[in-house]
Amino acid sequence: MKKYALVALFAVMSLGMVFAVVAVPPTQGNISITGEVKEAFSLLVPPDYKGTIENGDVAETWQIGNVAVTSNVNNWTIKLTSKTGGVLLHSSEKDEIAYTVTLEGLVKDQSLKNEWQSKPQGRTSKGGNSYPFSITFGPSTNYYEAGFYNDVITVTISHS
């Protein structure tokens, strides 16, 4: 009986060693790959504009130039703000000429009495988006006071 017990113990130990030595190699693994795209977000505005104001009976439109935006981010907006509240202000600050702005494709005949902001926009092509910018004023029923009129329009782009 001792002999059978010893043989049984030897068999269990031998089989246990065989199972312990055999390891199964892994058949699957993960590799994480990460890259970053740098932000491209820029604005180009036309140079300062100087025109002649007529005392005409019809509205005048000045084609100021193109506002260009290049963006690889979504949900960007463009904002227009007037220093003088949407008027060309005489140098004496006693006379003013109200105007509206058009940023073609985004807004038409918009007063800048208060700032204006576009709806969120999507990414542009690599060449960017170009928006012709103009202001319209008049007609005038009375003469404008002679002299220089001025305003500064600030164009701002931002994204969330």
N, C-alpha and C. Protein backbone atom coordinates (compact mmCIF):
# COMPACT_ATOMS: atom_id res chain seq x y z
N MET A 1 0.80 -1.16 0.00
CA MET A 1 0.00 0.00 0.00
C MET A 1 0.86 1.25 0.00
N LYS A 2 1.96 1.17 0.73
CA LYS A 2 2.89 2.29 0.71
C LYS A 2 3.47 2.46 -0.67
N LYS A 3 3.62 1.37 -1.35
CA LYS A 3 4.21 1.40 -2.67
C LYS A 3 3.26 2.12 -3.63
N TYR A 4 1.94 1.86 -3.55
CA TYR A 4 0.97 2.52 -4.42
C TYR A 4 0.85 4.00 -4.10
N ALA A 5 0.91 4.33 -2.85
CA ALA A 5 0.81 5.73 -2.45
C ALA A 5 2.00 6.51 -2.97
N LEU A 6 3.19 5.91 -2.91
CA LEU A 6 4.40 6.55 -3.39
C LEU A 6 4.34 6.74 -4.91
N VAL A 7 3.85 5.75 -5.64
CA VAL A 7 3.74 5.83 -7.09
C VAL A 7 2.71 6.91 -7.45
N ALA A 8 1.59 6.95 -6.73
CA ALA A 8 0.56 7.95 -7.01
C ALA A 8 1.09 9.35 -6.74
N LEU A 9 1.86 9.53 -5.66
CA LEU A 9 2.44 10.83 -5.33
C LEU A 9 3.43 11.25 -6.40
N PHE A 10 4.25 10.31 -6.87
CA PHE A 10 5.23 10.59 -7.91
C PHE A 10 4.52 10.99 -9.21
N ALA A 11 3.42 10.33 -9.56
CA ALA A 11 2.68 10.64 -10.78
C ALA A 11 2.06 12.03 -10.71
N VAL A 12 1.48 12.38 -9.57
CA VAL A 12 0.88 13.71 -9.42
C VAL A 12 1.95 14.79 -9.51
N MET A 13 3.11 14.57 -8.90
CA MET A 13 4.19 15.56 -8.95
C MET A 13 4.73 15.70 -10.37
N SER A 14 4.87 14.61 -11.09
CA SER A 14 5.40 14.66 -12.45
C SER A 14 4.44 15.41 -13.37
N LEU A 15 3.16 15.09 -13.28
CA LEU A 15 2.18 15.78 -14.13
C LEU A 15 2.10 17.26 -13.77
N GLY A 16 2.19 17.60 -12.51
CA GLY A 16 2.16 19.00 -12.07
C GLY A 16 3.32 19.77 -12.65
N MET A 17 4.50 19.15 -12.71
CA MET A 17 5.67 19.82 -13.27
C MET A 17 5.50 20.04 -14.77
N VAL A 18 4.89 19.09 -15.44
CA VAL A 18 4.68 19.22 -16.88
C VAL A 18 3.75 20.40 -17.15
N PHE A 19 2.66 20.50 -16.38
CA PHE A 19 1.75 21.60 -16.59
C PHE A 19 2.37 22.94 -16.20
N ALA A 20 3.21 22.98 -15.22
CA ALA A 20 3.83 24.22 -14.77
C ALA A 20 4.84 24.73 -15.78
N VAL A 21 5.50 23.88 -16.50
CA VAL A 21 6.54 24.26 -17.43
C VAL A 21 5.95 24.78 -18.74
N VAL A 22 4.81 24.30 -19.16
CA VAL A 22 4.22 24.68 -20.44
C VAL A 22 3.49 26.02 -20.26
N ALA A 23 4.01 27.12 -20.86
CA ALA A 23 3.38 28.45 -20.82
C ALA A 23 2.84 28.79 -22.21
N VAL A 24 1.69 29.41 -22.27
CA VAL A 24 1.08 29.78 -23.55
C VAL A 24 1.48 31.22 -23.87
N PRO A 25 2.16 31.44 -25.03
CA PRO A 25 2.54 32.81 -25.39
C PRO A 25 1.31 33.65 -25.73
N PRO A 26 1.37 35.00 -25.52
CA PRO A 26 0.23 35.84 -25.85
C PRO A 26 -0.04 35.84 -27.36
N THR A 27 -1.29 35.98 -27.73
CA THR A 27 -1.65 36.00 -29.15
C THR A 27 -2.19 37.35 -29.60
N GLN A 28 -2.21 38.34 -28.69
CA GLN A 28 -2.73 39.67 -29.02
C GLN A 28 -2.04 40.72 -28.16
N GLY A 29 -1.79 41.92 -28.75
CA GLY A 29 -1.21 43.04 -28.00
C GLY A 29 -1.70 44.36 -28.61
N ASN A 30 -1.57 45.43 -27.85
CA ASN A 30 -2.03 46.75 -28.30
C ASN A 30 -0.85 47.70 -28.46
N ILE A 31 -0.93 48.53 -29.48
CA ILE A 31 0.04 49.61 -29.69
C ILE A 31 -0.75 50.90 -29.80
N SER A 32 -0.47 51.88 -28.96
CA SER A 32 -1.15 53.17 -29.02
C SER A 32 -0.35 54.10 -29.93
N ILE A 33 -1.05 54.71 -30.88
CA ILE A 33 -0.41 55.64 -31.81
C ILE A 33 -1.08 57.00 -31.64
N THR A 34 -0.30 58.04 -31.36
CA THR A 34 -0.83 59.37 -31.11
C THR A 34 -0.11 60.39 -31.98
N GLY A 35 -0.86 61.31 -32.54
CA GLY A 35 -0.28 62.39 -33.33
C GLY A 35 -1.01 63.68 -33.01
N GLU A 36 -0.39 64.80 -33.31
CA GLU A 36 -1.00 66.10 -33.03
C GLU A 36 -0.98 66.95 -34.28
N VAL A 37 -2.09 67.63 -34.56
CA VAL A 37 -2.16 68.60 -35.65
C VAL A 37 -2.14 69.98 -35.00
N LYS A 38 -1.16 70.77 -35.34
CA LYS A 38 -1.06 72.12 -34.79
C LYS A 38 -2.18 72.99 -35.34
N GLU A 39 -2.63 73.94 -34.54
CA GLU A 39 -3.71 74.83 -34.92
C GLU A 39 -3.24 75.82 -35.98
N ALA A 40 -4.06 75.97 -37.02
CA ALA A 40 -3.85 77.00 -38.04
C ALA A 40 -5.06 77.92 -37.96
N PHE A 41 -4.87 79.14 -37.49
CA PHE A 41 -5.99 80.05 -37.26
C PHE A 41 -5.48 81.46 -37.48
N SER A 42 -5.86 82.06 -38.62
CA SER A 42 -5.31 83.39 -38.91
C SER A 42 -6.33 84.27 -39.62
N LEU A 43 -6.08 85.56 -39.52
CA LEU A 43 -6.96 86.59 -40.08
C LEU A 43 -6.11 87.58 -40.87
N LEU A 44 -6.63 87.98 -42.01
CA LEU A 44 -5.99 89.02 -42.83
C LEU A 44 -7.07 90.04 -43.17
N VAL A 45 -6.83 91.31 -42.83
CA VAL A 45 -7.81 92.37 -43.11
C VAL A 45 -7.23 93.31 -44.17
N PRO A 46 -8.12 94.02 -44.89
CA PRO A 46 -7.62 94.96 -45.90
C PRO A 46 -6.92 96.14 -45.25
N PRO A 47 -6.10 96.85 -46.01
CA PRO A 47 -5.43 98.04 -45.45
C PRO A 47 -6.45 99.15 -45.19
N ASP A 48 -6.01 100.19 -44.49
CA ASP A 48 -6.87 101.35 -44.22
C ASP A 48 -7.41 101.89 -45.55
N TYR A 49 -8.60 102.41 -45.51
CA TYR A 49 -9.29 102.86 -46.71
C TYR A 49 -9.59 104.35 -46.60
N LYS A 50 -9.39 105.08 -47.70
CA LYS A 50 -9.73 106.50 -47.74
C LYS A 50 -10.53 106.74 -49.01
N GLY A 51 -11.74 107.29 -48.85
CA GLY A 51 -12.60 107.54 -49.99
C GLY A 51 -13.16 108.94 -49.95
N THR A 52 -13.88 109.30 -51.00
CA THR A 52 -14.54 110.59 -51.09
C THR A 52 -16.03 110.39 -50.87
N ILE A 53 -16.59 111.16 -49.96
CA ILE A 53 -18.00 111.08 -49.63
C ILE A 53 -18.75 112.10 -50.48
N GLU A 54 -19.71 111.61 -51.24
CA GLU A 54 -20.53 112.50 -52.07
C GLU A 54 -21.76 112.92 -51.27
N ASN A 55 -22.34 114.01 -51.62
CA ASN A 55 -23.61 114.45 -51.03
C ASN A 55 -24.74 114.09 -51.98
N GLY A 56 -24.75 112.83 -52.36
CA GLY A 56 -25.66 112.40 -53.41
C GLY A 56 -27.06 112.04 -52.95
N ASP A 57 -27.90 111.79 -53.94
CA ASP A 57 -29.29 111.41 -53.69
C ASP A 57 -29.46 109.90 -53.68
N VAL A 58 -28.39 109.17 -53.86
CA VAL A 58 -28.45 107.70 -53.82
C VAL A 58 -27.41 107.20 -52.83
N ALA A 59 -27.62 105.99 -52.35
CA ALA A 59 -26.67 105.38 -51.41
C ALA A 59 -25.32 105.15 -52.09
N GLU A 60 -24.28 105.28 -51.30
CA GLU A 60 -22.91 105.01 -51.77
C GLU A 60 -22.39 103.76 -51.10
N THR A 61 -21.64 102.97 -51.86
CA THR A 61 -21.01 101.78 -51.29
C THR A 61 -19.52 101.85 -51.56
N TRP A 62 -18.75 101.68 -50.51
CA TRP A 62 -17.30 101.59 -50.64
C TRP A 62 -16.89 100.12 -50.52
N GLN A 63 -16.22 99.64 -51.55
CA GLN A 63 -15.65 98.28 -51.52
C GLN A 63 -14.30 98.38 -50.81
N ILE A 64 -14.27 97.99 -49.55
CA ILE A 64 -13.08 98.18 -48.72
C ILE A 64 -11.98 97.18 -49.05
N GLY A 65 -12.33 95.94 -49.33
CA GLY A 65 -11.35 94.89 -49.62
C GLY A 65 -11.83 93.56 -49.05
N ASN A 66 -10.95 92.58 -49.05
CA ASN A 66 -11.32 91.24 -48.58
C ASN A 66 -10.80 90.97 -47.18
N VAL A 67 -11.67 90.37 -46.37
CA VAL A 67 -11.28 89.84 -45.07
C VAL A 67 -11.07 88.35 -45.29
N ALA A 68 -9.90 87.83 -44.94
CA ALA A 68 -9.58 86.41 -45.18
C ALA A 68 -9.33 85.69 -43.86
N VAL A 69 -9.93 84.51 -43.74
CA VAL A 69 -9.78 83.68 -42.55
C VAL A 69 -9.28 82.31 -42.99
N THR A 70 -8.26 81.81 -42.31
CA THR A 70 -7.78 80.46 -42.51
C THR A 70 -7.90 79.74 -41.17
N SER A 71 -8.56 78.58 -41.18
CA SER A 71 -8.81 77.89 -39.91
C SER A 71 -8.92 76.39 -40.11
N ASN A 72 -8.21 75.63 -39.26
CA ASN A 72 -8.42 74.19 -39.24
C ASN A 72 -9.16 73.77 -37.97
N VAL A 73 -9.83 74.73 -37.33
CA VAL A 73 -10.66 74.44 -36.16
C VAL A 73 -12.12 74.74 -36.51
N ASN A 74 -13.03 73.99 -35.93
CA ASN A 74 -14.46 74.22 -36.12
C ASN A 74 -14.97 75.20 -35.08
N ASN A 75 -16.14 75.72 -35.34
CA ASN A 75 -16.85 76.61 -34.41
C ASN A 75 -16.13 77.93 -34.15
N TRP A 76 -15.48 78.47 -35.17
CA TRP A 76 -14.88 79.79 -35.03
C TRP A 76 -15.93 80.83 -35.44
N THR A 77 -15.76 82.03 -34.91
CA THR A 77 -16.66 83.13 -35.26
C THR A 77 -15.83 84.35 -35.63
N ILE A 78 -16.48 85.25 -36.35
CA ILE A 78 -15.86 86.53 -36.69
C ILE A 78 -16.75 87.62 -36.11
N LYS A 79 -16.12 88.64 -35.53
CA LYS A 79 -16.86 89.71 -34.87
C LYS A 79 -16.40 91.05 -35.44
N LEU A 80 -17.36 91.95 -35.65
CA LEU A 80 -17.08 93.30 -36.12
C LEU A 80 -17.53 94.29 -35.04
N THR A 81 -16.64 95.23 -34.71
CA THR A 81 -16.93 96.24 -33.70
C THR A 81 -16.52 97.61 -34.24
N SER A 82 -17.38 98.61 -34.06
CA SER A 82 -17.10 99.97 -34.50
C SER A 82 -16.68 100.82 -33.31
N LYS A 83 -15.61 101.60 -33.49
CA LYS A 83 -15.15 102.50 -32.43
C LYS A 83 -16.18 103.59 -32.13
N THR A 84 -16.90 104.05 -33.17
CA THR A 84 -17.83 105.17 -33.00
C THR A 84 -19.30 104.73 -33.08
N GLY A 85 -19.56 103.44 -32.92
CA GLY A 85 -20.95 102.98 -32.90
C GLY A 85 -21.62 102.95 -34.25
N GLY A 86 -20.88 102.64 -35.30
CA GLY A 86 -21.49 102.48 -36.62
C GLY A 86 -21.72 103.75 -37.39
N VAL A 87 -20.94 104.80 -37.08
CA VAL A 87 -21.03 106.06 -37.83
C VAL A 87 -19.63 106.52 -38.22
N LEU A 88 -19.56 107.20 -39.36
CA LEU A 88 -18.35 107.95 -39.70
C LEU A 88 -18.48 109.27 -38.96
N LEU A 89 -17.58 109.55 -38.06
CA LEU A 89 -17.68 110.72 -37.18
C LEU A 89 -16.80 111.85 -37.72
N HIS A 90 -17.38 113.04 -37.85
CA HIS A 90 -16.64 114.21 -38.33
C HIS A 90 -15.53 114.53 -37.31
N SER A 91 -14.44 115.09 -37.80
CA SER A 91 -13.32 115.42 -36.91
C SER A 91 -13.71 116.40 -35.82
N SER A 92 -14.76 117.21 -36.06
CA SER A 92 -15.25 118.14 -35.02
C SER A 92 -16.10 117.40 -33.99
N GLU A 93 -16.46 116.16 -34.29
CA GLU A 93 -17.34 115.31 -33.48
C GLU A 93 -18.74 115.90 -33.36
N LYS A 94 -19.12 116.76 -34.31
CA LYS A 94 -20.45 117.38 -34.29
C LYS A 94 -21.35 116.84 -35.40
N ASP A 95 -20.79 116.11 -36.34
CA ASP A 95 -21.59 115.56 -37.44
C ASP A 95 -21.18 114.11 -37.64
N GLU A 96 -22.13 113.31 -38.10
CA GLU A 96 -21.85 111.90 -38.32
C GLU A 96 -22.63 111.38 -39.50
N ILE A 97 -22.13 110.32 -40.10
CA ILE A 97 -22.79 109.66 -41.22
C ILE A 97 -22.94 108.19 -40.84
N ALA A 98 -24.19 107.74 -40.68
CA ALA A 98 -24.45 106.34 -40.34
C ALA A 98 -24.14 105.46 -41.55
N TYR A 99 -23.68 104.27 -41.30
CA TYR A 99 -23.38 103.32 -42.38
C TYR A 99 -23.75 101.91 -41.93
N THR A 100 -23.82 101.01 -42.91
CA THR A 100 -23.99 99.59 -42.64
C THR A 100 -22.83 98.85 -43.29
N VAL A 101 -22.57 97.64 -42.82
CA VAL A 101 -21.48 96.83 -43.37
C VAL A 101 -22.05 95.57 -44.01
N THR A 102 -21.30 95.10 -45.00
CA THR A 102 -21.58 93.81 -45.62
C THR A 102 -20.28 93.02 -45.62
N LEU A 103 -20.34 91.83 -45.10
CA LEU A 103 -19.24 90.87 -45.16
C LEU A 103 -19.82 89.71 -45.96
N GLU A 104 -19.59 89.77 -47.27
CA GLU A 104 -20.28 88.89 -48.21
C GLU A 104 -20.22 87.42 -47.79
N GLY A 105 -21.39 86.81 -47.78
CA GLY A 105 -21.49 85.41 -47.38
C GLY A 105 -21.78 85.22 -45.91
N LEU A 106 -21.62 86.30 -45.12
CA LEU A 106 -21.86 86.20 -43.67
C LEU A 106 -22.94 87.17 -43.19
N VAL A 107 -22.90 88.42 -43.66
CA VAL A 107 -23.88 89.42 -43.20
C VAL A 107 -24.02 90.50 -44.27
N LYS A 108 -25.24 91.04 -44.38
CA LYS A 108 -25.50 92.09 -45.39
C LYS A 108 -26.22 93.25 -44.72
N ASP A 109 -25.74 94.47 -44.99
CA ASP A 109 -26.35 95.72 -44.51
C ASP A 109 -26.58 95.71 -43.00
N GLN A 110 -25.55 95.38 -42.27
CA GLN A 110 -25.61 95.28 -40.81
C GLN A 110 -25.12 96.59 -40.18
N SER A 111 -25.93 97.16 -39.30
CA SER A 111 -25.50 98.32 -38.52
C SER A 111 -24.47 97.86 -37.49
N LEU A 112 -23.52 98.72 -37.21
CA LEU A 112 -22.54 98.41 -36.15
C LEU A 112 -22.76 99.29 -34.93
N LYS A 113 -24.03 99.72 -34.75
CA LYS A 113 -24.35 100.45 -33.52
C LYS A 113 -23.95 99.59 -32.32
N ASN A 114 -24.18 98.29 -32.45
CA ASN A 114 -23.69 97.29 -31.49
C ASN A 114 -22.80 96.34 -32.25
N GLU A 115 -21.92 95.66 -31.56
CA GLU A 115 -21.04 94.71 -32.26
C GLU A 115 -21.87 93.62 -32.92
N TRP A 116 -21.32 93.05 -33.98
CA TRP A 116 -21.97 91.95 -34.69
C TRP A 116 -21.04 90.75 -34.63
N GLN A 117 -21.62 89.56 -34.43
CA GLN A 117 -20.82 88.33 -34.43
C GLN A 117 -21.52 87.28 -35.28
N SER A 118 -20.72 86.57 -36.08
CA SER A 118 -21.27 85.54 -36.96
C SER A 118 -21.70 84.31 -36.18
N LYS A 119 -22.45 83.45 -36.86
CA LYS A 119 -22.74 82.12 -36.33
C LYS A 119 -21.44 81.32 -36.39
N PRO A 120 -21.31 80.24 -35.62
CA PRO A 120 -20.10 79.42 -35.69
C PRO A 120 -19.87 78.88 -37.10
N GLN A 121 -18.62 78.91 -37.51
CA GLN A 121 -18.22 78.48 -38.85
C GLN A 121 -17.37 77.22 -38.76
N GLY A 122 -17.28 76.50 -39.86
CA GLY A 122 -16.47 75.28 -39.92
C GLY A 122 -15.07 75.56 -40.43
N ARG A 123 -14.27 74.50 -40.49
CA ARG A 123 -12.91 74.64 -41.01
C ARG A 123 -12.94 75.19 -42.43
N THR A 124 -11.89 75.89 -42.80
CA THR A 124 -11.76 76.41 -44.15
C THR A 124 -10.88 75.49 -44.97
N SER A 125 -10.81 75.74 -46.26
CA SER A 125 -9.82 75.04 -47.08
C SER A 125 -8.44 75.59 -46.70
N LYS A 126 -7.40 74.97 -47.18
CA LYS A 126 -6.05 75.46 -46.88
C LYS A 126 -5.84 76.87 -47.41
N GLY A 127 -6.54 77.22 -48.47
CA GLY A 127 -6.44 78.57 -49.03
C GLY A 127 -7.22 79.60 -48.23
N GLY A 128 -8.06 79.14 -47.31
CA GLY A 128 -8.84 80.05 -46.48
C GLY A 128 -10.12 80.50 -47.16
N ASN A 129 -10.92 81.24 -46.42
CA ASN A 129 -12.15 81.85 -46.94
C ASN A 129 -11.92 83.35 -47.08
N SER A 130 -12.39 83.90 -48.17
CA SER A 130 -12.26 85.32 -48.43
C SER A 130 -13.65 85.94 -48.47
N TYR A 131 -13.84 87.00 -47.68
CA TYR A 131 -15.13 87.67 -47.57
C TYR A 131 -14.99 89.12 -48.01
N PRO A 132 -15.53 89.49 -49.18
CA PRO A 132 -15.50 90.90 -49.59
C PRO A 132 -16.22 91.77 -48.56
N PHE A 133 -15.56 92.86 -48.16
CA PHE A 133 -16.06 93.74 -47.10
C PHE A 133 -16.38 95.10 -47.70
N SER A 134 -17.58 95.61 -47.38
CA SER A 134 -17.97 96.93 -47.89
C SER A 134 -18.80 97.65 -46.86
N ILE A 135 -18.86 98.99 -47.01
CA ILE A 135 -19.77 99.80 -46.19
C ILE A 135 -20.67 100.59 -47.13
N THR A 136 -21.89 100.84 -46.67
CA THR A 136 -22.86 101.59 -47.45
C THR A 136 -23.42 102.71 -46.59
N PHE A 137 -23.53 103.91 -47.16
CA PHE A 137 -24.11 105.05 -46.44
C PHE A 137 -24.89 105.91 -47.42
N GLY A 138 -25.70 106.80 -46.88
CA GLY A 138 -26.52 107.67 -47.70
C GLY A 138 -27.81 106.97 -48.09
N PRO A 139 -28.62 107.62 -48.90
CA PRO A 139 -28.43 108.94 -49.49
C PRO A 139 -28.59 110.04 -48.46
N SER A 140 -28.13 111.21 -48.83
CA SER A 140 -28.23 112.34 -47.91
C SER A 140 -29.29 113.33 -48.41
N THR A 141 -30.16 113.75 -47.50
CA THR A 141 -31.16 114.77 -47.86
C THR A 141 -30.58 116.16 -47.65
N ASN A 142 -29.60 116.27 -46.76
CA ASN A 142 -28.90 117.53 -46.51
C ASN A 142 -27.43 117.34 -46.83
N TYR A 143 -26.73 118.45 -46.96
CA TYR A 143 -25.29 118.35 -47.16
C TYR A 143 -24.62 117.85 -45.89
N TYR A 144 -23.60 117.02 -46.09
CA TYR A 144 -22.75 116.66 -44.96
C TYR A 144 -21.81 117.83 -44.72
N GLU A 145 -21.40 118.02 -43.47
CA GLU A 145 -20.44 119.07 -43.15
C GLU A 145 -19.11 118.72 -43.81
N ALA A 146 -18.49 119.73 -44.45
CA ALA A 146 -17.19 119.52 -45.09
C ALA A 146 -16.15 119.14 -44.03
N GLY A 147 -15.21 118.31 -44.40
CA GLY A 147 -14.14 117.91 -43.49
C GLY A 147 -13.90 116.40 -43.54
N PHE A 148 -13.20 115.92 -42.55
CA PHE A 148 -12.83 114.51 -42.51
C PHE A 148 -13.72 113.75 -41.54
N TYR A 149 -14.12 112.55 -41.96
CA TYR A 149 -14.93 111.64 -41.16
C TYR A 149 -14.13 110.36 -40.97
N ASN A 150 -14.33 109.74 -39.82
CA ASN A 150 -13.52 108.56 -39.54
C ASN A 150 -14.26 107.58 -38.62
N ASP A 151 -13.91 106.34 -38.74
CA ASP A 151 -14.28 105.28 -37.80
C ASP A 151 -13.21 104.21 -37.91
N VAL A 152 -13.10 103.40 -36.89
CA VAL A 152 -12.20 102.23 -36.91
C VAL A 152 -13.07 101.00 -36.63
N ILE A 153 -13.02 100.06 -37.55
CA ILE A 153 -13.75 98.81 -37.38
C ILE A 153 -12.74 97.74 -37.00
N THR A 154 -12.99 97.10 -35.88
CA THR A 154 -12.12 96.01 -35.40
C THR A 154 -12.74 94.69 -35.82
N VAL A 155 -11.92 93.86 -36.46
CA VAL A 155 -12.33 92.52 -36.90
C VAL A 155 -11.61 91.53 -36.01
N THR A 156 -12.37 90.65 -35.38
CA THR A 156 -11.78 89.67 -34.46
C THR A 156 -12.30 88.29 -34.80
N ILE A 157 -11.39 87.31 -34.83
CA ILE A 157 -11.82 85.91 -34.95
C ILE A 157 -11.49 85.19 -33.66
N SER A 158 -12.35 84.26 -33.29
CA SER A 158 -12.11 83.47 -32.09
C SER A 158 -12.78 82.12 -32.25
N HIS A 159 -12.39 81.16 -31.40
CA HIS A 159 -13.03 79.84 -31.43
C HIS A 159 -13.12 79.29 -30.02
N SER A 160 -14.04 78.36 -29.86
CA SER A 160 -14.23 77.76 -28.54
C SER A 160 -13.66 76.36 -28.51
